């Protein structure tokens, strides 16, 4: 078994330092493949988005106020993106809970995915919080060729991501 990289203090939760597990991926690197599940428990991989620009909005749990706002905000922003752009929300919440959240909030323009089974996505993208077994709040943009073009790991996980910076970066990636 390979040693998992630990990055102590990479993020905080209410000011308390937390450790992220996995590599510190950089813009310009090839995005690692992943295996998530959708609301129907069907597997979803990076290859499923081949030829499209993918914005991944990652949150700790949709049952928290900030994560709820983040998911709803990206659902609203989905009306402003091109047809070849997919926005996907990723948490480790159970798909059943995510389906309930979508119904309660009207989230219907973004894909809602879960890393609950193996936390593989979190490990491969370096955003699995060791102490909480949750994913660090982050935003990723992966271009049509599978290359990371934008990354924001929010330093204090109780705060929202920079929506405008993500939208601006997305527009630049789509323009080429």
Foldseek 3Di string as FASTA:
>chain_A
DDDWDWDWQQAAEVPHIFIWTADQDDFFAFQDWDWWAFLVRDTDIPVVLAQAKEKEWEAFDCPDDQVVVQLVVVLVCLVVDDPRYAYEYEKQDHSVVVVVSCVVRVRDSHTYIHPNPPCRNRHHNRAQTPVPRIGFGKMWIAANVRGTHDIDRDRHRVDHDDVVVNVVSNVVRVVD
